[in-house]
C-alpha cells in the first residue's frame, strides 16, 4: 500500500504474503519519505484487528463486530540517508508477532452465516 500524507510524508507499507500461518509472525516493511525538512519519526504503531460478520437470514439481520487483537509499537526506526540534497527516508523492517492462542485470535473463515477476517 502506498499513499501520501499531504505536506508531511510519502509512505509505503508492504507485507509479502496475504496468508500467514496461525500463531506465527507477519514480516513488515514500512518506508516513510519526508516531504519537508525537520520531520522526525517518534514511533510506528501497528494494530491488528479481527472483523466478525454474523448473519441471520431468517431475521434478515447482520451483526458486524471488530475485536482488537494486538498493538505493537516500534521505536528508533533505522534512518537511511540518500545524498546531501535529499531529505532521506526512514525504513522499518521487522515482524509483528501474532497470538498463539485461539482465545486471543481465531483464524480467517467464511462459512454459512459467519465470516471472520483480519486487518
PDB file of N, CA and C in Angstrom:
ATOM      1  N   UNK A   1       0.846  -1.152   0.000  1.00  0.00           N
ATOM      2  CA  UNK A   1       0.000   0.000   0.000  1.00  0.00           C
ATOM      3  C   UNK A   1       0.903   1.229   0.000  1.00  0.00           C
ATOM      4  N   UNK A   2       0.624   2.156  -0.861  1.00  0.00           N
ATOM      5  CA  UNK A   2       1.373   3.409  -0.934  1.00  0.00           C
ATOM      6  C   UNK A   2       0.399   4.577  -0.937  1.00  0.00           C
ATOM      7  N   UNK A   3       0.823   5.678  -0.283  1.00  0.00           N
ATOM      8  CA  UNK A   3      -0.021   6.856  -0.264  1.00  0.00           C
ATOM      9  C   UNK A   3       0.816   8.042   0.199  1.00  0.00           C
ATOM     10  N   UNK A   4       0.190   9.215   0.239  1.00  0.00           N
ATOM     11  CA  UNK A   4       0.868  10.442   0.665  1.00  0.00           C
ATOM     12  C   UNK A   4       0.053  11.093   1.770  1.00  0.00           C
ATOM     13  N   UNK A   5       0.724  11.484   2.825  1.00  0.00           N
ATOM     14  CA  UNK A   5       0.139  12.336   3.849  1.00  0.00           C
ATOM     15  C   UNK A   5       0.540  13.738   3.425  1.00  0.00           C
ATOM     16  N   UNK A   6      -0.382  14.536   2.844  1.00  0.00           N
ATOM     17  CA  UNK A   6      -0.033  15.806   2.197  1.00  0.00           C
ATOM     18  C   UNK A   6       0.862  16.704   3.056  1.00  0.00           C
ATOM     19  N   UNK A   7       1.923  17.206   2.429  1.00  0.00           N
ATOM     20  CA  UNK A   7       2.898  18.113   3.032  1.00  0.00           C
ATOM     21  C   UNK A   7       3.634  17.513   4.231  1.00  0.00           C
ATOM     22  N   UNK A   8       3.554  16.197   4.403  1.00  0.00           N
ATOM     23  CA  UNK A   8       4.252  15.540   5.514  1.00  0.00           C
ATOM     24  C   UNK A   8       5.173  14.441   4.985  1.00  0.00           C
ATOM     25  N   UNK A   9       4.601  13.274   4.616  1.00  0.00           N
ATOM     26  CA  UNK A   9       5.402  12.134   4.170  1.00  0.00           C
ATOM     27  C   UNK A   9       4.693  11.347   3.075  1.00  0.00           C
ATOM     28  N   UNK A  10       5.512  10.684   2.272  1.00  0.00           N
ATOM     29  CA  UNK A  10       5.035   9.620   1.400  1.00  0.00           C
ATOM     30  C   UNK A  10       5.295   8.333   2.168  1.00  0.00           C
ATOM     31  N   UNK A  11       4.377   7.371   2.079  1.00  0.00           N
ATOM     32  CA  UNK A  11       4.618   6.129   2.797  1.00  0.00           C
ATOM     33  C   UNK A  11       4.293   4.921   1.945  1.00  0.00           C
ATOM     34  N   UNK A  12       4.999   3.847   2.247  1.00  0.00           N
ATOM     35  CA  UNK A  12       4.801   2.567   1.585  1.00  0.00           C
ATOM     36  C   UNK A  12       4.815   1.494   2.665  1.00  0.00           C
ATOM     37  N   UNK A  13       3.783   0.663   2.682  1.00  0.00           N
ATOM     38  CA  UNK A  13       3.689  -0.429   3.650  1.00  0.00           C
ATOM     39  C   UNK A  13       3.564  -1.723   2.857  1.00  0.00           C
ATOM     40  N   UNK A  14       4.469  -2.649   3.135  1.00  0.00           N
ATOM     41  CA  UNK A  14       4.492  -3.896   2.381  1.00  0.00           C
ATOM     42  C   UNK A  14       4.481  -5.095   3.334  1.00  0.00           C
ATOM     43  N   UNK A  15       3.584  -6.031   3.038  1.00  0.00           N
ATOM     44  CA  UNK A  15       3.525  -7.312   3.734  1.00  0.00           C
ATOM     45  C   UNK A  15       3.619  -8.359   2.632  1.00  0.00           C
ATOM     46  N   UNK A  16       4.678  -9.187   2.632  1.00  0.00           N
ATOM     47  CA  UNK A  16       4.944 -10.057   1.489  1.00  0.00           C
ATOM     48  C   UNK A  16       3.874 -11.097   1.177  1.00  0.00           C
ATOM     49  N   UNK A  17       3.166 -11.603   2.182  1.00  0.00           N
ATOM     50  CA  UNK A  17       2.157 -12.633   1.938  1.00  0.00           C
ATOM     51  C   UNK A  17       0.817 -12.222   2.528  1.00  0.00           C
ATOM     52  N   UNK A  18      -0.245 -12.505   1.785  1.00  0.00           N
ATOM     53  CA  UNK A  18      -1.577 -12.192   2.295  1.00  0.00           C
ATOM     54  C   UNK A  18      -1.996 -13.222   3.349  1.00  0.00           C
ATOM     55  N   UNK A  19      -1.585 -14.460   3.172  1.00  0.00           N
ATOM     56  CA  UNK A  19      -1.901 -15.525   4.125  1.00  0.00           C
ATOM     57  C   UNK A  19      -0.690 -15.765   5.030  1.00  0.00           C
ATOM     58  N   UNK A  20      -0.965 -15.875   6.332  1.00  0.00           N
ATOM     59  CA  UNK A  20       0.087 -16.073   7.323  1.00  0.00           C
ATOM     60  C   UNK A  20      -0.324 -17.231   8.215  1.00  0.00           C
ATOM     61  N   UNK A  21       0.570 -18.180   8.496  1.00  0.00           N
ATOM     62  CA  UNK A  21       0.209 -19.298   9.376  1.00  0.00           C
ATOM     63  C   UNK A  21      -0.196 -18.816  10.772  1.00  0.00           C
ATOM     64  N   UNK A  22      -1.202 -19.458  11.325  1.00  0.00           N
ATOM     65  CA  UNK A  22      -1.700 -19.116  12.650  1.00  0.00           C
ATOM     66  C   UNK A  22      -0.580 -19.206  13.688  1.00  0.00           C
ATOM     67  N   UNK A  23      -0.488 -18.195  14.544  1.00  0.00           N
ATOM     68  CA  UNK A  23       0.486 -18.198  15.625  1.00  0.00           C
ATOM     69  C   UNK A  23       1.894 -17.828  15.219  1.00  0.00           C
ATOM     70  N   UNK A  24       2.093 -17.422  13.967  1.00  0.00           N
ATOM     71  CA  UNK A  24       3.438 -17.062  13.503  1.00  0.00           C
ATOM     72  C   UNK A  24       3.619 -15.549  13.613  1.00  0.00           C
ATOM     73  N   UNK A  25       4.401 -14.976  12.728  1.00  0.00           N
ATOM     74  CA  UNK A  25       4.594 -13.526  12.723  1.00  0.00           C
ATOM     75  C   UNK A  25       4.450 -13.001  11.300  1.00  0.00           C
ATOM     76  N   UNK A  26       4.136 -11.719  11.195  1.00  0.00           N
ATOM     77  CA  UNK A  26       3.952 -11.072   9.898  1.00  0.00           C
ATOM     78  C   UNK A  26       5.154 -10.170   9.636  1.00  0.00           C
ATOM     79  N   UNK A  27       5.945 -10.462   8.589  1.00  0.00           N
ATOM     80  CA  UNK A  27       7.038  -9.549   8.259  1.00  0.00           C
ATOM     81  C   UNK A  27       6.481  -8.272   7.636  1.00  0.00           C
ATOM     82  N   UNK A  28       6.966  -7.128   8.105  1.00  0.00           N
ATOM     83  CA  UNK A  28       6.504  -5.851   7.564  1.00  0.00           C
ATOM     84  C   UNK A  28       7.695  -5.034   7.084  1.00  0.00           C
ATOM     85  N   UNK A  29       7.437  -4.231   6.083  1.00  0.00           N
ATOM     86  CA  UNK A  29       8.444  -3.323   5.532  1.00  0.00           C
ATOM     87  C   UNK A  29       7.740  -1.985   5.317  1.00  0.00           C
ATOM     88  N   UNK A  30       8.118  -0.990   6.122  1.00  0.00           N
ATOM     89  CA  UNK A  30       7.493   0.333   6.051  1.00  0.00           C
ATOM     90  C   UNK A  30       8.563   1.349   5.683  1.00  0.00           C
ATOM     91  N   UNK A  31       8.296   2.141   4.643  1.00  0.00           N
ATOM     92  CA  UNK A  31       9.205   3.202   4.237  1.00  0.00           C
ATOM     93  C   UNK A  31       8.453   4.527   4.295  1.00  0.00           C
ATOM     94  N   UNK A  32       9.055   5.503   4.962  1.00  0.00           N
ATOM     95  CA  UNK A  32       8.493   6.850   5.074  1.00  0.00           C
ATOM     96  C   UNK A  32       9.477   7.831   4.463  1.00  0.00           C
ATOM     97  N   UNK A  33       9.014   8.653   3.527  1.00  0.00           N
ATOM     98  CA  UNK A  33       9.852   9.657   2.879  1.00  0.00           C
ATOM     99  C   UNK A  33       9.318  11.033   3.250  1.00  0.00           C
ATOM    100  N   UNK A  34      10.100  11.834   4.010  1.00  0.00           N
ATOM    101  CA  UNK A  34       9.612  13.157   4.403  1.00  0.00           C
ATOM    102  C   UNK A  34       9.488  14.078   3.200  1.00  0.00           C
ATOM    103  N   UNK A  35       8.466  14.923   3.211  1.00  0.00           N
ATOM    104  CA  UNK A  35       8.250  15.874   2.121  1.00  0.00           C
ATOM    105  C   UNK A  35       8.731  17.278   2.483  1.00  0.00           C
ATOM    106  N   UNK A  36       9.227  17.452   3.705  1.00  0.00           N
ATOM    107  CA  UNK A  36       9.840  18.722   4.082  1.00  0.00           C
ATOM    108  C   UNK A  36      10.868  18.464   5.187  1.00  0.00           C
ATOM    109  N   UNK A  37      11.786  19.396   5.334  1.00  0.00           N
ATOM    110  CA  UNK A  37      12.869  19.243   6.296  1.00  0.00           C
ATOM    111  C   UNK A  37      12.354  19.386   7.729  1.00  0.00           C
ATOM    112  N   UNK A  38      13.097  18.768   8.648  1.00  0.00           N
ATOM    113  CA  UNK A  38      12.810  18.917  10.063  1.00  0.00           C
ATOM    114  C   UNK A  38      11.844  17.900  10.647  1.00  0.00           C
ATOM    115  N   UNK A  39      11.317  17.004   9.831  1.00  0.00           N
ATOM    116  CA  UNK A  39      10.393  15.999  10.348  1.00  0.00           C
ATOM    117  C   UNK A  39      11.165  14.853  10.990  1.00  0.00           C
ATOM    118  N   UNK A  40      10.593  14.264  12.029  1.00  0.00           N
ATOM    119  CA  UNK A  40      11.184  13.099  12.678  1.00  0.00           C
ATOM    120  C   UNK A  40      10.106  12.052  12.890  1.00  0.00           C
ATOM    121  N   UNK A  41      10.531  10.809  13.108  1.00  0.00           N
ATOM    122  CA  UNK A  41       9.608   9.721  13.412  1.00  0.00           C
ATOM    123  C   UNK A  41       9.753   9.398  14.893  1.00  0.00           C
ATOM    124  N   UNK A  42       8.661   9.526  15.637  1.00  0.00           N
ATOM    125  CA  UNK A  42       8.689   9.189  17.054  1.00  0.00           C
ATOM    126  C   UNK A  42       8.517   7.694  17.254  1.00  0.00           C
ATOM    127  N   UNK A  43       7.475   7.145  16.641  1.00  0.00           N
ATOM    128  CA  UNK A  43       7.214   5.715  16.744  1.00  0.00           C
ATOM    129  C   UNK A  43       6.245   5.298  15.645  1.00  0.00           C
ATOM    130  N   UNK A  44       6.217   4.017  15.363  1.00  0.00           N
ATOM    131  CA  UNK A  44       5.277   3.432  14.413  1.00  0.00           C
ATOM    132  C   UNK A  44       4.458   2.418  15.192  1.00  0.00           C
ATOM    133  N   UNK A  45       3.126   2.526  15.107  1.00  0.00           N
ATOM    134  CA  UNK A  45       2.237   1.635  15.844  1.00  0.00           C
ATOM    135  C   UNK A  45       1.450   0.793  14.846  1.00  0.00           C
ATOM    136  N   UNK A  46       1.524  -0.540  14.998  1.00  0.00           N
ATOM    137  CA  UNK A  46       0.767  -1.461  14.152  1.00  0.00           C
ATOM    138  C   UNK A  46      -0.373  -2.054  14.975  1.00  0.00           C
ATOM    139  N   UNK A  47      -1.587  -1.954  14.450  1.00  0.00           N
ATOM    140  CA  UNK A  47      -2.764  -2.536  15.097  1.00  0.00           C
ATOM    141  C   UNK A  47      -3.250  -3.708  14.269  1.00  0.00           C
ATOM    142  N   UNK A  48      -3.646  -4.780  14.923  1.00  0.00           N
ATOM    143  CA  UNK A  48      -4.157  -5.974  14.256  1.00  0.00           C
ATOM    144  C   UNK A  48      -5.564  -6.215  14.783  1.00  0.00           C
ATOM    145  N   UNK A  49      -6.548  -6.240  13.863  1.00  0.00           N
ATOM    146  CA  UNK A  49      -7.945  -6.364  14.259  1.00  0.00           C
ATOM    147  C   UNK A  49      -8.597  -7.564  13.595  1.00  0.00           C
ATOM    148  N   UNK A  50      -9.591  -8.097  14.293  1.00  0.00           N
ATOM    149  CA  UNK A  50     -10.365  -9.226  13.804  1.00  0.00           C
ATOM    150  C   UNK A  50     -11.776  -8.735  13.529  1.00  0.00           C
ATOM    151  N   UNK A  51     -12.254  -8.935  12.306  1.00  0.00           N
ATOM    152  CA  UNK A  51     -13.584  -8.468  11.899  1.00  0.00           C
ATOM    153  C   UNK A  51     -14.532  -9.661  11.818  1.00  0.00           C
ATOM    154  N   UNK A  52     -15.643  -9.591  12.563  1.00  0.00           N
ATOM    155  CA  UNK A  52     -16.634 -10.661  12.576  1.00  0.00           C
ATOM    156  C   UNK A  52     -17.905 -10.177  11.892  1.00  0.00           C
ATOM    157  N   UNK A  53     -18.466 -11.008  11.049  1.00  0.00           N
ATOM    158  CA  UNK A  53     -19.752 -10.717  10.428  1.00  0.00           C
ATOM    159  C   UNK A  53     -20.643 -11.949  10.599  1.00  0.00           C
ATOM    160  N   UNK A  54     -21.730 -11.780  11.348  1.00  0.00           N
ATOM    161  CA  UNK A  54     -22.660 -12.872  11.617  1.00  0.00           C
ATOM    162  C   UNK A  54     -24.012 -12.494  11.048  1.00  0.00           C
ATOM    163  N   UNK A  55     -24.583 -13.361  10.230  1.00  0.00           N
ATOM    164  CA  UNK A  55     -25.872 -13.029   9.617  1.00  0.00           C
ATOM    165  C   UNK A  55     -26.932 -14.048  10.012  1.00  0.00           C
ATOM    166  N   UNK A  56     -28.150 -13.578  10.054  1.00  0.00           N
ATOM    167  CA  UNK A  56     -29.308 -14.420  10.342  1.00  0.00           C
ATOM    168  C   UNK A  56     -30.314 -14.215   9.218  1.00  0.00           C
ATOM    169  N   UNK A  57     -30.278 -15.069   8.208  1.00  0.00           N
ATOM    170  CA  UNK A  57     -31.184 -14.895   7.070  1.00  0.00           C
ATOM    171  C   UNK A  57     -32.662 -14.957   7.462  1.00  0.00           C
ATOM    172  N   UNK A  58     -32.975 -15.739   8.493  1.00  0.00           N
ATOM    173  CA  UNK A  58     -34.369 -15.843   8.937  1.00  0.00           C
ATOM    174  C   UNK A  58     -34.905 -14.493   9.408  1.00  0.00           C
ATOM    175  N   UNK A  59     -34.049 -13.743  10.109  1.00  0.00           N
ATOM    176  CA  UNK A  59     -34.448 -12.434  10.624  1.00  0.00           C
ATOM    177  C   UNK A  59     -34.056 -11.296   9.686  1.00  0.00           C
ATOM    178  N   UNK A  60     -33.239 -11.614   8.678  1.00  0.00           N
ATOM    179  CA  UNK A  60     -32.787 -10.598   7.737  1.00  0.00           C
ATOM    180  C   UNK A  60     -31.828  -9.598   8.364  1.00  0.00           C
ATOM    181  N   UNK A  61     -31.046 -10.045   9.339  1.00  0.00           N
ATOM    182  CA  UNK A  61     -30.117  -9.148  10.029  1.00  0.00           C
ATOM    183  C   UNK A  61     -28.671  -9.626   9.890  1.00  0.00           C
ATOM    184  N   UNK A  62     -27.776  -8.666  10.016  1.00  0.00           N
ATOM    185  CA  UNK A  62     -26.340  -8.958  10.032  1.00  0.00           C
ATOM    186  C   UNK A  62     -25.720  -8.162  11.169  1.00  0.00           C
ATOM    187  N   UNK A  63     -24.859  -8.809  11.905  1.00  0.00           N
ATOM    188  CA  UNK A  63     -24.150  -8.137  13.003  1.00  0.00           C
ATOM    189  C   UNK A  63     -22.665  -8.126  12.677  1.00  0.00           C
ATOM    190  N   UNK A  64     -22.057  -6.930  12.708  1.00  0.00           N
ATOM    191  CA  UNK A  64     -20.632  -6.769  12.454  1.00  0.00           C
ATOM    192  C   UNK A  64     -19.951  -6.278  13.725  1.00  0.00           C
ATOM    193  N   UNK A  65     -18.887  -6.958  14.109  1.00  0.00           N
ATOM    194  CA  UNK A  65     -18.096  -6.583  15.282  1.00  0.00           C
ATOM    195  C   UNK A  65     -16.625  -6.545  14.914  1.00  0.00           C
ATOM    196  N   UNK A  66     -15.879  -5.729  15.642  1.00  0.00           N
ATOM    197  CA  UNK A  66     -14.426  -5.666  15.481  1.00  0.00           C
ATOM    198  C   UNK A  66     -13.791  -5.942  16.831  1.00  0.00           C
ATOM    199  N   UNK A  67     -12.827  -6.846  16.840  1.00  0.00           N
ATOM    200  CA  UNK A  67     -12.099  -7.165  18.071  1.00  0.00           C
ATOM    201  C   UNK A  67     -10.651  -6.740  17.905  1.00  0.00           C
ATOM    202  N   UNK A  68     -10.150  -5.989  18.878  1.00  0.00           N
ATOM    203  CA  UNK A  68      -8.749  -5.578  18.875  1.00  0.00           C
ATOM    204  C   UNK A  68      -7.916  -6.777  19.335  1.00  0.00           C
ATOM    205  N   UNK A  69      -7.028  -7.275  18.466  1.00  0.00           N
ATOM    206  CA  UNK A  69      -6.223  -8.454  18.783  1.00  0.00           C
ATOM    207  C   UNK A  69      -4.901  -8.052  19.418  1.00  0.00           C
ATOM    208  N   UNK A  70      -4.197  -7.108  18.793  1.00  0.00           N
ATOM    209  CA  UNK A  70      -2.916  -6.692  19.357  1.00  0.00           C
ATOM    210  C   UNK A  70      -2.504  -5.337  18.820  1.00  0.00           C
ATOM    211  N   UNK A  71      -1.577  -4.729  19.546  1.00  0.00           N
ATOM    212  CA  UNK A  71      -0.952  -3.480  19.122  1.00  0.00           C
ATOM    213  C   UNK A  71       0.537  -3.638  19.396  1.00  0.00           C
ATOM    214  N   UNK A  72       1.344  -3.373  18.388  1.00  0.00           N
ATOM    215  CA  UNK A  72       2.800  -3.474  18.552  1.00  0.00           C
ATOM    216  C   UNK A  72       3.419  -2.138  18.154  1.00  0.00           C
ATOM    217  N   UNK A  73       4.257  -1.599  19.031  1.00  0.00           N
ATOM    218  CA  UNK A  73       4.884  -0.304  18.806  1.00  0.00           C
ATOM    219  C   UNK A  73       6.350  -0.492  18.471  1.00  0.00           C
ATOM    220  N   UNK A  74       6.792   0.224  17.442  1.00  0.00           N
ATOM    221  CA  UNK A  74       8.195   0.205  17.025  1.00  0.00           C
ATOM    222  C   UNK A  74       8.760   1.606  17.217  1.00  0.00           C
ATOM    223  N   UNK A  75       9.911   1.686  17.856  1.00  0.00           N
ATOM    224  CA  UNK A  75      10.578   2.972  18.052  1.00  0.00           C
ATOM    225  C   UNK A  75      11.992   2.857  17.505  1.00  0.00           C
ATOM    226  N   UNK A  76      12.647   4.000  17.319  1.00  0.00           N
ATOM    227  CA  UNK A  76      14.032   4.042  16.838  1.00  0.00           C
ATOM    228  C   UNK A  76      14.182   3.376  15.465  1.00  0.00           C
ATOM    229  N   UNK A  77      13.386   3.822  14.486  1.00  0.00           N
ATOM    230  CA  UNK A  77      13.467   3.282  13.131  1.00  0.00           C
ATOM    231  C   UNK A  77      14.846   3.562  12.534  1.00  0.00           C
ATOM    232  N   UNK A  78      15.332   2.618  11.768  1.00  0.00           N
ATOM    233  CA  UNK A  78      16.607   2.788  11.064  1.00  0.00           C
ATOM    234  C   UNK A  78      16.464   3.938  10.069  1.00  0.00           C
ATOM    235  N   UNK A  79      17.434   4.860  10.054  1.00  0.00           N
ATOM    236  CA  UNK A  79      17.378   6.000   9.146  1.00  0.00           C
ATOM    237  C   UNK A  79      18.367   5.786   8.009  1.00  0.00           C
ATOM    238  N   UNK A  80      17.865   5.867   6.790  1.00  0.00           N
ATOM    239  CA  UNK A  80      18.715   5.751   5.604  1.00  0.00           C
ATOM    240  C   UNK A  80      18.737   7.104   4.912  1.00  0.00           C
ATOM    241  N   UNK A  81      19.902   7.667   4.726  1.00  0.00           N
ATOM    242  CA  UNK A  81      20.016   8.952   4.023  1.00  0.00           C
ATOM    243  C   UNK A  81      20.554   8.691   2.619  1.00  0.00           C
ATOM    244  N   UNK A  82      20.036   9.471   1.666  1.00  0.00           N
ATOM    245  CA  UNK A  82      20.463   9.318   0.271  1.00  0.00           C
ATOM    246  C   UNK A  82      20.902  10.669  -0.263  1.00  0.00           C
ATOM    247  N   UNK A  83      22.185  10.969  -0.196  1.00  0.00           N
ATOM    248  CA  UNK A  83      22.725  12.202  -0.763  1.00  0.00           C
ATOM    249  C   UNK A  83      22.502  13.413   0.122  1.00  0.00           C
ATOM    250  N   UNK A  84      23.278  14.459  -0.120  1.00  0.00           N
ATOM    251  CA  UNK A  84      23.195  15.683   0.679  1.00  0.00           C
ATOM    252  C   UNK A  84      21.930  16.479   0.390  1.00  0.00           C
ATOM    253  N   UNK A  85      21.466  16.464  -0.858  1.00  0.00           N
ATOM    254  CA  UNK A  85      20.304  17.259  -1.251  1.00  0.00           C
ATOM    255  C   UNK A  85      18.993  16.581  -0.878  1.00  0.00           C
ATOM    256  N   UNK A  86      19.037  15.284  -0.714  1.00  0.00           N
ATOM    257  CA  UNK A  86      17.830  14.512  -0.452  1.00  0.00           C
ATOM    258  C   UNK A  86      17.380  14.700   0.993  1.00  0.00           C
ATOM    259  N   UNK A  87      16.102  14.586   1.245  1.00  0.00           N
ATOM    260  CA  UNK A  87      15.584  14.674   2.601  1.00  0.00           C
ATOM    261  C   UNK A  87      15.733  13.362   3.352  1.00  0.00           C
ATOM    262  N   UNK A  88      16.165  12.303   2.652  1.00  0.00           N
ATOM    263  CA  UNK A  88      16.356  10.998   3.273  1.00  0.00           C
ATOM    264  C   UNK A  88      15.066  10.212   3.340  1.00  0.00           C
ATOM    265  N   UNK A  89      15.109   9.135   4.118  1.00  0.00           N
ATOM    266  CA  UNK A  89      13.916   8.319   4.322  1.00  0.00           C
ATOM    267  C   UNK A  89      14.118   7.476   5.572  1.00  0.00           C
ATOM    268  N   UNK A  90      13.012   7.046   6.141  1.00  0.00           N
ATOM    269  CA  UNK A  90      13.044   6.137   7.270  1.00  0.00           C
ATOM    270  C   UNK A  90      12.527   4.794   6.781  1.00  0.00           C
ATOM    271  N   UNK A  91      13.168   3.737   7.253  1.00  0.00           N
ATOM    272  CA  UNK A  91      12.717   2.410   6.851  1.00  0.00           C
ATOM    273  C   UNK A  91      12.664   1.501   8.067  1.00  0.00           C
ATOM    274  N   UNK A  92      11.551   0.813   8.208  1.00  0.00           N
ATOM    275  CA  UNK A  92      11.353  -0.143   9.286  1.00  0.00           C
ATOM    276  C   UNK A  92      11.106  -1.507   8.678  1.00  0.00           C
ATOM    277  N   UNK A  93      11.964  -2.457   9.001  1.00  0.00           N
ATOM    278  CA  UNK A  93      11.776  -3.849   8.591  1.00  0.00           C
ATOM    279  C   UNK A  93      11.781  -4.680   9.868  1.00  0.00           C
ATOM    280  N   UNK A  94      10.655  -5.285  10.179  1.00  0.00           N
ATOM    281  CA  UNK A  94      10.535  -6.035  11.422  1.00  0.00           C
ATOM    282  C   UNK A  94       9.415  -7.049  11.281  1.00  0.00           C
ATOM    283  N   UNK A  95       8.966  -7.601  12.385  1.00  0.00           N
ATOM    284  CA  UNK A  95       7.900  -8.589  12.389  1.00  0.00           C
ATOM    285  C   UNK A  95       6.863  -8.237  13.449  1.00  0.00           C
ATOM    286  N   UNK A  96       5.604  -8.478  13.128  1.00  0.00           N
ATOM    287  CA  UNK A  96       4.522  -8.342  14.094  1.00  0.00           C
ATOM    288  C   UNK A  96       4.196  -9.764  14.556  1.00  0.00           C
ATOM    289  N   UNK A  97       4.366 -10.014  15.853  1.00  0.00           N
ATOM    290  CA  UNK A  97       4.152 -11.349  16.419  1.00  0.00           C
ATOM    291  C   UNK A  97       2.663 -11.575  16.681  1.00  0.00           C
ATOM    292  N   UNK A  98       2.102 -12.625  16.084  1.00  0.00           N
ATOM    293  CA  UNK A  98       0.685 -12.942  16.263  1.00  0.00           C
ATOM    294  C   UNK A  98       0.466 -13.805  17.500  1.00  0.00           C
ATOM    295  N   UNK A  99      -0.718 -13.704  18.109  1.00  0.00           N
ATOM    296  CA  UNK A  99      -1.029 -14.553  19.269  1.00  0.00           C
ATOM    297  C   UNK A  99      -0.995 -16.030  18.878  1.00  0.00           C
ATOM    298  N   UNK A 100      -0.652 -16.868  19.843  1.00  0.00           N
ATOM    299  CA  UNK A 100      -0.584 -18.309  19.595  1.00  0.00           C
ATOM    300  C   UNK A 100      -1.765 -19.047  20.227  1.00  0.00           C
ATOM    301  N   UNK A 101      -2.766 -18.287  20.686  1.00  0.00           N
ATOM    302  CA  UNK A 101      -3.919 -18.868  21.362  1.00  0.00           C
ATOM    303  C   UNK A 101      -5.203 -18.523  20.605  1.00  0.00           C
ATOM    304  N   UNK A 102      -6.081 -19.519  20.434  1.00  0.00           N
ATOM    305  CA  UNK A 102      -7.374 -19.279  19.775  1.00  0.00           C
ATOM    306  C   UNK A 102      -8.289 -18.416  20.625  1.00  0.00           C
ATOM    307  N   UNK A 103      -7.983 -18.252  21.886  1.00  0.00           N
ATOM    308  CA  UNK A 103      -8.777 -17.366  22.736  1.00  0.00           C
ATOM    309  C   UNK A 103      -8.525 -15.907  22.338  1.00  0.00           C
ATOM    310  N   UNK A 104      -7.292 -15.600  21.958  1.00  0.00           N
ATOM    311  CA  UNK A 104      -6.922 -14.221  21.621  1.00  0.00           C
ATOM    312  C   UNK A 104      -7.128 -13.881  20.150  1.00  0.00           C
ATOM    313  N   UNK A 105      -7.117 -14.896  19.275  1.00  0.00           N
ATOM    314  CA  UNK A 105      -7.223 -14.650  17.832  1.00  0.00           C
ATOM    315  C   UNK A 105      -7.639 -15.942  17.144  1.00  0.00           C
ATOM    316  N   UNK A 106      -8.708 -15.878  16.341  1.00  0.00           N
ATOM    317  CA  UNK A 106      -9.119 -17.060  15.581  1.00  0.00           C
ATOM    318  C   UNK A 106      -8.712 -16.892  14.119  1.00  0.00           C
ATOM    319  N   UNK A 107      -8.738 -17.973  13.397  1.00  0.00           N
ATOM    320  CA  UNK A 107      -8.326 -17.950  12.001  1.00  0.00           C
ATOM    321  C   UNK A 107      -9.419 -17.348  11.119  1.00  0.00           C
ATOM    322  N   UNK A 108      -9.010 -16.849   9.940  1.00  0.00           N
ATOM    323  CA  UNK A 108      -9.975 -16.396   8.937  1.00  0.00           C
ATOM    324  C   UNK A 108     -10.886 -17.558   8.575  1.00  0.00           C
ATOM    325  N   UNK A 109     -12.142 -17.249   8.359  1.00  0.00           N
ATOM    326  CA  UNK A 109     -13.051 -18.278   7.852  1.00  0.00           C
ATOM    327  C   UNK A 109     -14.237 -17.608   7.173  1.00  0.00           C
ATOM    328  N   UNK A 110     -14.847 -18.338   6.288  1.00  0.00           N
ATOM    329  CA  UNK A 110     -16.065 -17.875   5.633  1.00  0.00           C
ATOM    330  C   UNK A 110     -16.931 -19.105   5.402  1.00  0.00           C
ATOM    331  N   UNK A 111     -17.894 -19.286   6.288  1.00  0.00           N
ATOM    332  CA  UNK A 111     -18.841 -20.388   6.206  1.00  0.00           C
ATOM    333  C   UNK A 111     -20.240 -19.784   6.250  1.00  0.00           C
ATOM    334  N   UNK A 112     -21.233 -20.614   6.098  1.00  0.00           N
ATOM    335  CA  UNK A 112     -22.603 -20.128   6.061  1.00  0.00           C
ATOM    336  C   UNK A 112     -22.920 -19.258   7.284  1.00  0.00           C
ATOM    337  N   UNK A 113     -23.247 -18.000   7.047  1.00  0.00           N
ATOM    338  CA  UNK A 113     -23.670 -17.027   8.053  1.00  0.00           C
ATOM    339  C   UNK A 113     -22.541 -16.487   8.945  1.00  0.00           C
ATOM    340  N   UNK A 114     -21.314 -16.959   8.777  1.00  0.00           N
ATOM    341  CA  UNK A 114     -20.190 -16.473   9.611  1.00  0.00           C
ATOM    342  C   UNK A 114     -19.000 -16.132   8.715  1.00  0.00           C
ATOM    343  N   UNK A 115     -18.470 -14.930   8.915  1.00  0.00           N
ATOM    344  CA  UNK A 115     -17.271 -14.522   8.183  1.00  0.00           C
ATOM    345  C   UNK A 115     -16.318 -13.856   9.175  1.00  0.00           C
ATOM    346  N   UNK A 116     -15.074 -14.308   9.182  1.00  0.00           N
ATOM    347  CA  UNK A 116     -14.047 -13.713  10.050  1.00  0.00           C
ATOM    348  C   UNK A 116     -12.853 -13.350   9.184  1.00  0.00           C
ATOM    349  N   UNK A 117     -12.443 -12.054   9.270  1.00  0.00           N
ATOM    350  CA  UNK A 117     -11.285 -11.554   8.518  1.00  0.00           C
ATOM    351  C   UNK A 117     -10.413 -10.766   9.467  1.00  0.00           C
ATOM    352  N   UNK A 118      -9.199 -10.453   9.019  1.00  0.00           N
ATOM    353  CA  UNK A 118      -8.262  -9.666   9.825  1.00  0.00           C
ATOM    354  C   UNK A 118      -7.701  -8.515   9.000  1.00  0.00           C
ATOM    355  N   UNK A 119      -7.380  -7.428   9.717  1.00  0.00           N
ATOM    356  CA  UNK A 119      -6.688  -6.316   9.063  1.00  0.00           C
ATOM    357  C   UNK A 119      -5.798  -5.625  10.071  1.00  0.00           C
TER     358      UNK A 119
END
